[in-house]
C-alpha atoms as a PDB file:
ATOM      1  CA  UNK A   1       1.278   3.930  -7.765  1.00  0.00           C
ATOM      2  CA  UNK A   2       3.133   0.885  -9.015  1.00  0.00           C
ATOM      3  CA  UNK A   3       2.821  -0.929 -12.307  1.00  0.00           C
ATOM      4  CA  UNK A   4       4.060  -4.366 -13.261  1.00  0.00           C
ATOM      5  CA  UNK A   5       4.122  -5.478 -16.881  1.00  0.00           C
ATOM      6  CA  UNK A   6       4.323  -9.230 -17.202  1.00  0.00           C
ATOM      7  CA  UNK A   7       6.590 -11.038 -19.616  1.00  0.00           C
ATOM      8  CA  UNK A   8       9.551 -13.375 -19.501  1.00  0.00           C
ATOM      9  CA  UNK A   9      11.039 -10.822 -17.058  1.00  0.00           C
ATOM     10  CA  UNK A  10       8.422  -8.655 -15.284  1.00  0.00           C
ATOM     11  CA  UNK A  11       9.035  -4.906 -15.602  1.00  0.00           C
ATOM     12  CA  UNK A  12       8.016  -2.572 -12.765  1.00  0.00           C
ATOM     13  CA  UNK A  13       7.871   1.189 -12.357  1.00  0.00           C
ATOM     14  CA  UNK A  14       5.881   3.702 -10.353  1.00  0.00           C
ATOM     15  CA  UNK A  15       5.764   6.950  -8.434  1.00  0.00           C
ATOM     16  CA  UNK A  16       5.018   8.216  -4.956  1.00  0.00           C
ATOM     17  CA  UNK A  17       3.237  11.493  -4.315  1.00  0.00           C
ATOM     18  CA  UNK A  18       3.485  12.827  -0.782  1.00  0.00           C
ATOM     19  CA  UNK A  19       0.974  15.243   0.835  1.00  0.00           C
ATOM     20  CA  UNK A  20       3.563  18.050   0.715  1.00  0.00           C
ATOM     21  CA  UNK A  21       3.767  17.699  -3.094  1.00  0.00           C
ATOM     22  CA  UNK A  22       7.064  15.813  -3.213  1.00  0.00           C
ATOM     23  CA  UNK A  23       7.087  13.277  -6.058  1.00  0.00           C
ATOM     24  CA  UNK A  24       9.454  10.323  -6.167  1.00  0.00           C
ATOM     25  CA  UNK A  25       9.857   8.368  -9.418  1.00  0.00           C
ATOM     26  CA  UNK A  26      10.315   4.642  -8.785  1.00  0.00           C
ATOM     27  CA  UNK A  27      12.493   2.442 -10.972  1.00  0.00           C
ATOM     28  CA  UNK A  28      12.282  -1.332 -11.129  1.00  0.00           C
ATOM     29  CA  UNK A  29      15.184  -1.631  -8.681  1.00  0.00           C
ATOM     30  CA  UNK A  30      13.190   0.376  -6.083  1.00  0.00           C
ATOM     31  CA  UNK A  31      10.136  -1.923  -6.014  1.00  0.00           C
ATOM     32  CA  UNK A  32       9.527  -5.402  -4.634  1.00  0.00           C
ATOM     33  CA  UNK A  33       6.192  -7.053  -5.494  1.00  0.00           C
ATOM     34  CA  UNK A  34       5.150 -10.531  -4.389  1.00  0.00           C
ATOM     35  CA  UNK A  35       1.721 -12.049  -5.112  1.00  0.00           C
ATOM     36  CA  UNK A  36       0.167 -13.493  -1.942  1.00  0.00           C
ATOM     37  CA  UNK A  37      -3.172 -14.842  -3.217  1.00  0.00           C
ATOM     38  CA  UNK A  38      -4.843 -15.696  -6.510  1.00  0.00           C
ATOM     39  CA  UNK A  39      -8.419 -15.809  -7.772  1.00  0.00           C
ATOM     40  CA  UNK A  40      -9.769 -18.143 -10.409  1.00  0.00           C
ATOM     41  CA  UNK A  41     -10.918 -16.232 -13.488  1.00  0.00           C
ATOM     42  CA  UNK A  42     -12.137 -19.161 -15.545  1.00  0.00           C
ATOM     43  CA  UNK A  43     -11.287 -22.817 -15.919  1.00  0.00           C
ATOM     44  CA  UNK A  44      -7.534 -23.228 -15.698  1.00  0.00           C
ATOM     45  CA  UNK A  45      -6.765 -19.510 -15.450  1.00  0.00           C
ATOM     46  CA  UNK A  46      -6.081 -17.543 -12.283  1.00  0.00           C
ATOM     47  CA  UNK A  47      -4.409 -14.272 -11.501  1.00  0.00           C
ATOM     48  CA  UNK A  48      -2.872 -12.614  -8.456  1.00  0.00           C
ATOM     49  CA  UNK A  49      -5.273 -10.282  -6.682  1.00  0.00           C
ATOM     50  CA  UNK A  50      -3.455  -9.702  -3.381  1.00  0.00           C
ATOM     51  CA  UNK A  51       0.108  -8.420  -3.162  1.00  0.00           C
ATOM     52  CA  UNK A  52       2.929  -7.566  -0.794  1.00  0.00           C
ATOM     53  CA  UNK A  53       4.536  -4.371  -2.107  1.00  0.00           C
ATOM     54  CA  UNK A  54       7.753  -2.932  -0.732  1.00  0.00           C
ATOM     55  CA  UNK A  55       9.694   0.230  -1.503  1.00  0.00           C
ATOM     56  CA  UNK A  56      12.530  -0.183   1.032  1.00  0.00           C
ATOM     57  CA  UNK A  57      14.218   3.202   0.456  1.00  0.00           C
ATOM     58  CA  UNK A  58      10.928   4.968   1.300  1.00  0.00           C
ATOM     59  CA  UNK A  59      10.040   2.718   4.274  1.00  0.00           C
ATOM     60  CA  UNK A  60       7.016   1.242   2.497  1.00  0.00           C
ATOM     61  CA  UNK A  61       5.910  -2.322   3.235  1.00  0.00           C
ATOM     62  CA  UNK A  62       2.221  -2.891   2.482  1.00  0.00           C
ATOM     63  CA  UNK A  63      -0.161  -5.643   1.526  1.00  0.00           C
ATOM     64  CA  UNK A  64      -3.201  -5.205  -0.677  1.00  0.00           C
ATOM     65  CA  UNK A  65      -6.393  -7.278  -0.484  1.00  0.00           C
ATOM     66  CA  UNK A  66      -9.360  -6.921  -2.852  1.00  0.00           C
ATOM     67  CA  UNK A  67     -12.665  -5.783  -1.399  1.00  0.00           C
ATOM     68  CA  UNK A  68     -14.405  -8.130  -3.868  1.00  0.00           C
ATOM     69  CA  UNK A  69     -12.255 -10.963  -5.230  1.00  0.00           C
ATOM     70  CA  UNK A  70     -14.802 -11.643  -7.991  1.00  0.00           C
ATOM     71  CA  UNK A  71     -14.564  -8.255  -9.733  1.00  0.00           C
ATOM     72  CA  UNK A  72     -14.249  -9.771 -13.220  1.00  0.00           C
ATOM     73  CA  UNK A  73     -15.197  -7.804 -16.288  1.00  0.00           C
ATOM     74  CA  UNK A  74     -16.396 -10.258 -18.944  1.00  0.00           C
ATOM     75  CA  UNK A  75     -15.576  -8.179 -22.022  1.00  0.00           C
ATOM     76  CA  UNK A  76     -13.904  -9.257 -25.271  1.00  0.00           C
ATOM     77  CA  UNK A  77     -10.636  -9.163 -23.287  1.00  0.00           C
ATOM     78  CA  UNK A  78     -11.598 -10.252 -19.767  1.00  0.00           C
ATOM     79  CA  UNK A  79      -9.902  -8.457 -16.915  1.00  0.00           C
ATOM     80  CA  UNK A  80     -10.118  -7.838 -13.199  1.00  0.00           C
ATOM     81  CA  UNK A  81     -10.475  -4.410 -11.628  1.00  0.00           C
ATOM     82  CA  UNK A  82     -11.619  -3.132  -8.308  1.00  0.00           C
ATOM     83  CA  UNK A  83     -10.877  -1.446  -5.012  1.00  0.00           C
ATOM     84  CA  UNK A  84      -8.292  -2.899  -2.659  1.00  0.00           C
ATOM     85  CA  UNK A  85      -7.631  -2.482   1.048  1.00  0.00           C
ATOM     86  CA  UNK A  86      -4.075  -1.427   1.960  1.00  0.00           C
ATOM     87  CA  UNK A  87      -2.463  -2.443   5.268  1.00  0.00           C
ATOM     88  CA  UNK A  88       1.052  -2.280   6.690  1.00  0.00           C
ATOM     89  CA  UNK A  89       3.336   0.733   6.900  1.00  0.00           C
ATOM     90  CA  UNK A  90       0.425   2.714   5.424  1.00  0.00           C
ATOM     91  CA  UNK A  91      -3.290   2.002   5.516  1.00  0.00           C
ATOM     92  CA  UNK A  92      -6.066   2.995   3.193  1.00  0.00           C
ATOM     93  CA  UNK A  93      -7.703   2.018  -0.062  1.00  0.00           C
ATOM     94  CA  UNK A  94      -6.445   1.736  -3.600  1.00  0.00           C
ATOM     95  CA  UNK A  95      -7.465   0.458  -6.997  1.00  0.00           C
ATOM     96  CA  UNK A  96      -6.053  -2.463  -8.984  1.00  0.00           C
ATOM     97  CA  UNK A  97      -6.379  -3.602 -12.583  1.00  0.00           C
ATOM     98  CA  UNK A  98      -5.136  -6.884 -14.031  1.00  0.00           C
ATOM     99  CA  UNK A  99      -5.336  -7.679 -17.742  1.00  0.00           C
ATOM    100  CA  UNK A 100      -4.016 -10.235 -20.189  1.00  0.00           C
ATOM    101  CA  UNK A 101      -4.797 -13.448 -18.312  1.00  0.00           C
END
């Protein structure tokens, strides 16, 4: 799991849980995240919904792609959430949330 909090300087943290129970806490210096595609939320506003995520010390280099790019939740604070496909050094599915856009 990785989390990025946006601001003037994005802040990242996370953790890895391996099948054998080993847990690795991830600091900002351990994680590289690069947005690779955006979706339009509403006029003039878009947000990243596909990412390249790397954790070099753990040999992780993955990309995520949403299964449905239009997974908007039109609540009082609109946000995007939905399942993502994971490909690269690991494959599978995940879940992403994006708020505050």
